Amino acid sequence: MRTLFITLALVFMSVFFIGCSPPTGIDKEFDRTGETLRIKVITHDSLRDLHAAKREVSGKPAPEGMIGFAGWTKTTNYCEIHILQPRRDLDDNVMTLGHEMMHCLYGAFHK
């Protein structure tokens, strides 16, 4: 019974955090799992600040709906992640941190 409850809770959280958009597969540009990475995480207090940082880093406006971004290179193990400041241990900003970390590990992995 406890296993069923945990499974249902995980399914609910996955649907809640992912939202209505269907998940995409992972197509690894590279794979840095098992490697030592240097990661800098920058948190922002507002979407306005986050979008301004995206504009400053890339020279382009933030795409609509953007709630985080990562910058990496194929030749170094340095990665910079920008997210909104998390407010709770399992809020959307924590999920975004995990998503952006995947970019540090796999590059442009969206299929």
N, C-alpha and C. Protein backbone atom coordinates (compact mmCIF):
# COMPACT_ATOMS: atom_id res chain seq x y z
N MET A 1 0.82 -1.19 0.00
CA MET A 1 0.00 0.00 0.00
C MET A 1 0.87 1.26 0.00
N ARG A 2 1.92 1.25 0.82
CA ARG A 2 2.81 2.41 0.88
C ARG A 2 3.49 2.65 -0.47
N THR A 3 3.89 1.56 -1.15
CA THR A 3 4.53 1.68 -2.45
C THR A 3 3.56 2.30 -3.46
N LEU A 4 2.31 1.88 -3.42
CA LEU A 4 1.30 2.44 -4.32
C LEU A 4 1.12 3.93 -4.06
N PHE A 5 1.06 4.32 -2.79
CA PHE A 5 0.92 5.73 -2.45
C PHE A 5 2.10 6.55 -2.96
N ILE A 6 3.31 6.05 -2.76
CA ILE A 6 4.51 6.76 -3.22
C ILE A 6 4.50 6.87 -4.74
N THR A 7 4.13 5.79 -5.42
CA THR A 7 4.08 5.81 -6.88
C THR A 7 3.06 6.83 -7.37
N LEU A 8 1.88 6.83 -6.78
CA LEU A 8 0.85 7.80 -7.18
C LEU A 8 1.30 9.22 -6.89
N ALA A 9 1.97 9.44 -5.76
CA ALA A 9 2.46 10.78 -5.43
C ALA A 9 3.49 11.24 -6.45
N LEU A 10 4.39 10.36 -6.85
CA LEU A 10 5.40 10.72 -7.85
C LEU A 10 4.76 11.03 -9.20
N VAL A 11 3.78 10.24 -9.59
CA VAL A 11 3.08 10.50 -10.86
C VAL A 11 2.38 11.85 -10.79
N PHE A 12 1.70 12.13 -9.67
CA PHE A 12 1.01 13.41 -9.52
C PHE A 12 2.00 14.57 -9.61
N MET A 13 3.13 14.44 -8.89
CA MET A 13 4.11 15.53 -8.90
C MET A 13 4.68 15.72 -10.30
N SER A 14 4.91 14.63 -11.02
CA SER A 14 5.44 14.75 -12.38
C SER A 14 4.46 15.51 -13.26
N VAL A 15 3.20 15.15 -13.19
CA VAL A 15 2.19 15.83 -14.01
C VAL A 15 2.06 17.28 -13.56
N PHE A 16 2.07 17.52 -12.26
CA PHE A 16 1.92 18.89 -11.74
C PHE A 16 3.07 19.77 -12.19
N PHE A 17 4.29 19.29 -12.08
CA PHE A 17 5.45 20.12 -12.40
C PHE A 17 5.68 20.24 -13.90
N ILE A 18 5.41 19.19 -14.63
CA ILE A 18 5.63 19.23 -16.07
C ILE A 18 4.54 20.06 -16.74
N GLY A 19 3.34 20.00 -16.21
CA GLY A 19 2.25 20.76 -16.79
C GLY A 19 1.64 20.01 -17.96
N CYS A 20 1.02 20.74 -18.87
CA CYS A 20 0.30 20.13 -19.96
C CYS A 20 1.17 19.83 -21.17
N SER A 21 2.34 20.40 -21.23
CA SER A 21 3.17 20.15 -22.41
C SER A 21 3.76 18.75 -22.34
N PRO A 22 3.74 18.04 -23.48
CA PRO A 22 4.27 16.68 -23.47
C PRO A 22 5.78 16.70 -23.31
N PRO A 23 6.32 15.74 -22.57
CA PRO A 23 7.77 15.69 -22.41
C PRO A 23 8.44 15.34 -23.73
N THR A 24 9.65 15.84 -23.91
CA THR A 24 10.41 15.49 -25.10
C THR A 24 11.45 14.46 -24.75
N GLY A 25 11.92 13.75 -25.76
CA GLY A 25 12.97 12.78 -25.54
C GLY A 25 14.30 13.48 -25.34
N ILE A 26 15.31 12.69 -25.02
CA ILE A 26 16.64 13.23 -24.80
C ILE A 26 17.55 12.78 -25.93
N ASP A 27 18.09 13.75 -26.63
CA ASP A 27 19.03 13.51 -27.72
C ASP A 27 20.33 14.22 -27.32
N LYS A 28 21.25 13.46 -26.73
CA LYS A 28 22.45 14.05 -26.13
C LYS A 28 23.39 14.63 -27.19
N GLU A 29 23.70 15.90 -27.03
CA GLU A 29 24.71 16.56 -27.86
C GLU A 29 26.10 16.09 -27.45
N PHE A 30 26.27 15.85 -26.15
CA PHE A 30 27.47 15.26 -25.55
C PHE A 30 27.02 14.65 -24.23
N ASP A 31 27.92 13.95 -23.55
CA ASP A 31 27.56 13.32 -22.28
C ASP A 31 28.68 13.55 -21.28
N ARG A 32 28.39 14.36 -20.28
CA ARG A 32 29.40 14.68 -19.26
C ARG A 32 29.12 14.01 -17.93
N THR A 33 28.25 13.02 -17.91
CA THR A 33 28.01 12.30 -16.66
C THR A 33 29.32 11.64 -16.23
N GLY A 34 29.58 11.67 -14.95
CA GLY A 34 30.81 11.09 -14.42
C GLY A 34 32.02 12.02 -14.48
N GLU A 35 31.87 13.17 -15.13
CA GLU A 35 32.96 14.14 -15.22
C GLU A 35 32.79 15.20 -14.14
N THR A 36 33.89 15.83 -13.78
CA THR A 36 33.84 16.94 -12.85
C THR A 36 33.48 18.19 -13.63
N LEU A 37 32.42 18.84 -13.21
CA LEU A 37 31.95 20.05 -13.88
C LEU A 37 32.12 21.25 -12.95
N ARG A 38 32.32 22.40 -13.54
CA ARG A 38 32.33 23.66 -12.79
C ARG A 38 31.04 24.37 -13.16
N ILE A 39 30.14 24.49 -12.20
CA ILE A 39 28.82 25.04 -12.46
C ILE A 39 28.58 26.26 -11.57
N LYS A 40 28.15 27.32 -12.21
CA LYS A 40 27.79 28.54 -11.48
C LYS A 40 26.27 28.69 -11.61
N VAL A 41 25.58 28.78 -10.48
CA VAL A 41 24.13 28.96 -10.49
C VAL A 41 23.82 30.38 -10.03
N ILE A 42 23.06 31.08 -10.85
CA ILE A 42 22.67 32.45 -10.54
C ILE A 42 21.15 32.48 -10.41
N THR A 43 20.69 32.95 -9.26
CA THR A 43 19.24 33.03 -9.05
C THR A 43 18.79 34.48 -9.22
N HIS A 44 17.58 34.61 -9.71
CA HIS A 44 16.99 35.94 -9.96
C HIS A 44 15.68 36.05 -9.19
N ASP A 45 15.39 37.24 -8.70
CA ASP A 45 14.19 37.46 -7.90
C ASP A 45 12.93 37.67 -8.73
N SER A 46 13.08 37.93 -10.02
CA SER A 46 11.90 38.17 -10.86
C SER A 46 12.17 37.71 -12.29
N LEU A 47 11.07 37.48 -13.00
CA LEU A 47 11.19 37.15 -14.43
C LEU A 47 11.85 38.28 -15.20
N ARG A 48 11.55 39.49 -14.82
CA ARG A 48 12.16 40.65 -15.48
C ARG A 48 13.69 40.58 -15.38
N ASP A 49 14.20 40.29 -14.18
CA ASP A 49 15.66 40.17 -13.99
C ASP A 49 16.23 38.98 -14.77
N LEU A 50 15.52 37.86 -14.74
CA LEU A 50 15.96 36.67 -15.47
C LEU A 50 16.03 36.95 -16.97
N HIS A 51 15.00 37.58 -17.50
CA HIS A 51 14.96 37.89 -18.94
C HIS A 51 16.02 38.92 -19.31
N ALA A 52 16.29 39.86 -18.42
CA ALA A 52 17.36 40.84 -18.67
C ALA A 52 18.71 40.14 -18.71
N ALA A 53 18.91 39.16 -17.84
CA ALA A 53 20.17 38.41 -17.84
C ALA A 53 20.32 37.62 -19.14
N LYS A 54 19.25 37.03 -19.62
CA LYS A 54 19.29 36.28 -20.88
C LYS A 54 19.69 37.22 -22.02
N ARG A 55 19.09 38.40 -22.04
CA ARG A 55 19.40 39.39 -23.06
C ARG A 55 20.87 39.81 -22.98
N GLU A 56 21.37 40.00 -21.75
CA GLU A 56 22.75 40.41 -21.55
C GLU A 56 23.74 39.31 -21.97
N VAL A 57 23.42 38.07 -21.64
CA VAL A 57 24.32 36.95 -21.94
C VAL A 57 24.31 36.61 -23.43
N SER A 58 23.12 36.58 -24.04
CA SER A 58 23.02 36.10 -25.42
C SER A 58 22.89 37.20 -26.46
N GLY A 59 22.54 38.41 -26.01
CA GLY A 59 22.29 39.48 -26.97
C GLY A 59 20.95 39.37 -27.66
N LYS A 60 20.13 38.43 -27.21
CA LYS A 60 18.80 38.22 -27.80
C LYS A 60 17.76 38.29 -26.70
N PRO A 61 16.53 38.67 -27.05
CA PRO A 61 15.48 38.68 -26.03
C PRO A 61 15.15 37.26 -25.58
N ALA A 62 14.66 37.14 -24.37
CA ALA A 62 14.26 35.84 -23.84
C ALA A 62 13.05 35.33 -24.61
N PRO A 63 13.04 34.04 -24.95
CA PRO A 63 11.85 33.50 -25.61
C PRO A 63 10.65 33.52 -24.66
N GLU A 64 9.48 33.63 -25.22
CA GLU A 64 8.27 33.67 -24.41
C GLU A 64 8.17 32.40 -23.56
N GLY A 65 7.84 32.58 -22.30
CA GLY A 65 7.65 31.45 -21.40
C GLY A 65 8.94 30.95 -20.74
N MET A 66 10.07 31.57 -21.04
CA MET A 66 11.33 31.11 -20.48
C MET A 66 11.38 31.36 -18.97
N ILE A 67 11.69 30.31 -18.21
CA ILE A 67 11.79 30.44 -16.75
C ILE A 67 13.17 30.01 -16.24
N GLY A 68 14.11 29.83 -17.13
CA GLY A 68 15.48 29.49 -16.77
C GLY A 68 16.28 29.25 -18.03
N PHE A 69 17.60 29.31 -17.90
CA PHE A 69 18.46 28.99 -19.05
C PHE A 69 19.84 28.59 -18.56
N ALA A 70 20.54 27.89 -19.41
CA ALA A 70 21.91 27.47 -19.10
C ALA A 70 22.80 27.85 -20.26
N GLY A 71 24.03 28.18 -19.94
CA GLY A 71 25.04 28.47 -20.95
C GLY A 71 26.19 27.50 -20.78
N TRP A 72 26.64 26.88 -21.85
CA TRP A 72 27.71 25.90 -21.81
C TRP A 72 28.49 25.95 -23.10
N THR A 73 29.63 25.31 -23.10
CA THR A 73 30.40 25.14 -24.33
C THR A 73 30.70 23.66 -24.49
N LYS A 74 30.95 23.25 -25.71
CA LYS A 74 31.28 21.85 -25.96
C LYS A 74 32.72 21.54 -25.55
N THR A 75 33.54 22.58 -25.40
CA THR A 75 34.97 22.34 -25.20
C THR A 75 35.43 22.45 -23.75
N THR A 76 34.57 22.96 -22.86
CA THR A 76 34.96 23.06 -21.45
C THR A 76 33.90 22.42 -20.58
N ASN A 77 34.22 22.18 -19.35
CA ASN A 77 33.25 21.63 -18.40
C ASN A 77 32.67 22.71 -17.51
N TYR A 78 32.62 23.94 -18.03
CA TYR A 78 32.01 25.06 -17.30
C TYR A 78 30.58 25.25 -17.80
N CYS A 79 29.68 25.48 -16.87
CA CYS A 79 28.28 25.71 -17.22
C CYS A 79 27.72 26.75 -16.27
N GLU A 80 26.89 27.64 -16.80
CA GLU A 80 26.25 28.67 -15.99
C GLU A 80 24.74 28.51 -16.11
N ILE A 81 24.08 28.42 -14.97
CA ILE A 81 22.63 28.21 -14.92
C ILE A 81 21.98 29.45 -14.30
N HIS A 82 20.92 29.93 -14.95
CA HIS A 82 20.13 31.06 -14.44
C HIS A 82 18.71 30.56 -14.20
N ILE A 83 18.22 30.74 -12.98
CA ILE A 83 16.85 30.34 -12.64
C ILE A 83 16.24 31.41 -11.73
N LEU A 84 14.93 31.31 -11.55
CA LEU A 84 14.27 32.14 -10.54
C LEU A 84 14.58 31.57 -9.16
N GLN A 85 14.67 32.43 -8.18
CA GLN A 85 14.96 32.01 -6.81
C GLN A 85 13.90 31.02 -6.33
N PRO A 86 14.29 29.79 -5.95
CA PRO A 86 13.29 28.85 -5.40
C PRO A 86 12.71 29.39 -4.09
N ARG A 87 11.43 29.13 -3.89
CA ARG A 87 10.75 29.60 -2.67
C ARG A 87 10.40 28.43 -1.74
N ARG A 88 10.29 27.23 -2.31
CA ARG A 88 9.99 26.02 -1.53
C ARG A 88 10.88 24.89 -2.06
N ASP A 89 10.95 23.79 -1.33
CA ASP A 89 11.86 22.72 -1.73
C ASP A 89 11.45 22.01 -3.01
N LEU A 90 10.20 22.00 -3.37
CA LEU A 90 9.77 21.32 -4.60
C LEU A 90 8.95 22.22 -5.50
N ASP A 91 9.31 23.49 -5.61
CA ASP A 91 8.55 24.37 -6.50
C ASP A 91 9.08 24.26 -7.94
N ASP A 92 8.43 24.96 -8.84
CA ASP A 92 8.80 24.89 -10.26
C ASP A 92 10.24 25.33 -10.50
N ASN A 93 10.75 26.23 -9.68
CA ASN A 93 12.11 26.73 -9.88
C ASN A 93 13.14 25.65 -9.56
N VAL A 94 12.83 24.76 -8.63
CA VAL A 94 13.70 23.63 -8.34
C VAL A 94 13.70 22.66 -9.53
N MET A 95 12.53 22.44 -10.09
CA MET A 95 12.44 21.57 -11.28
C MET A 95 13.20 22.20 -12.44
N THR A 96 13.13 23.50 -12.58
CA THR A 96 13.87 24.19 -13.64
C THR A 96 15.36 24.01 -13.44
N LEU A 97 15.83 24.07 -12.20
CA LEU A 97 17.24 23.86 -11.92
C LEU A 97 17.69 22.49 -12.43
N GLY A 98 16.89 21.47 -12.18
CA GLY A 98 17.21 20.13 -12.68
C GLY A 98 17.25 20.09 -14.20
N HIS A 99 16.29 20.74 -14.83
CA HIS A 99 16.24 20.79 -16.30
C HIS A 99 17.48 21.46 -16.86
N GLU A 100 17.84 22.60 -16.28
CA GLU A 100 19.02 23.33 -16.77
C GLU A 100 20.30 22.55 -16.50
N MET A 101 20.35 21.80 -15.40
CA MET A 101 21.50 20.94 -15.12
C MET A 101 21.66 19.89 -16.21
N MET A 102 20.55 19.41 -16.74
CA MET A 102 20.63 18.45 -17.85
C MET A 102 21.33 19.07 -19.06
N HIS A 103 21.13 20.37 -19.28
CA HIS A 103 21.85 21.03 -20.37
C HIS A 103 23.36 21.02 -20.10
N CYS A 104 23.74 21.20 -18.84
CA CYS A 104 25.16 21.14 -18.49
C CYS A 104 25.73 19.75 -18.78
N LEU A 105 24.93 18.73 -18.55
CA LEU A 105 25.38 17.35 -18.77
C LEU A 105 25.30 16.92 -20.22
N TYR A 106 24.25 17.34 -20.94
CA TYR A 106 23.98 16.80 -22.27
C TYR A 106 23.93 17.83 -23.39
N GLY A 107 24.08 19.11 -23.08
CA GLY A 107 24.02 20.13 -24.13
C GLY A 107 22.60 20.38 -24.58
N ALA A 108 22.43 20.62 -25.87
CA ALA A 108 21.10 20.88 -26.45
C ALA A 108 20.43 19.53 -26.65
N PHE A 109 19.79 19.03 -25.60
CA PHE A 109 19.26 17.66 -25.61
C PHE A 109 17.83 17.52 -26.10
N HIS A 110 17.12 18.63 -26.29
CA HIS A 110 15.72 18.53 -26.72
C HIS A 110 15.64 17.93 -28.11
N LYS A 111 14.77 16.95 -28.27
CA LYS A 111 14.56 16.36 -29.60
C LYS A 111 13.66 17.27 -30.40
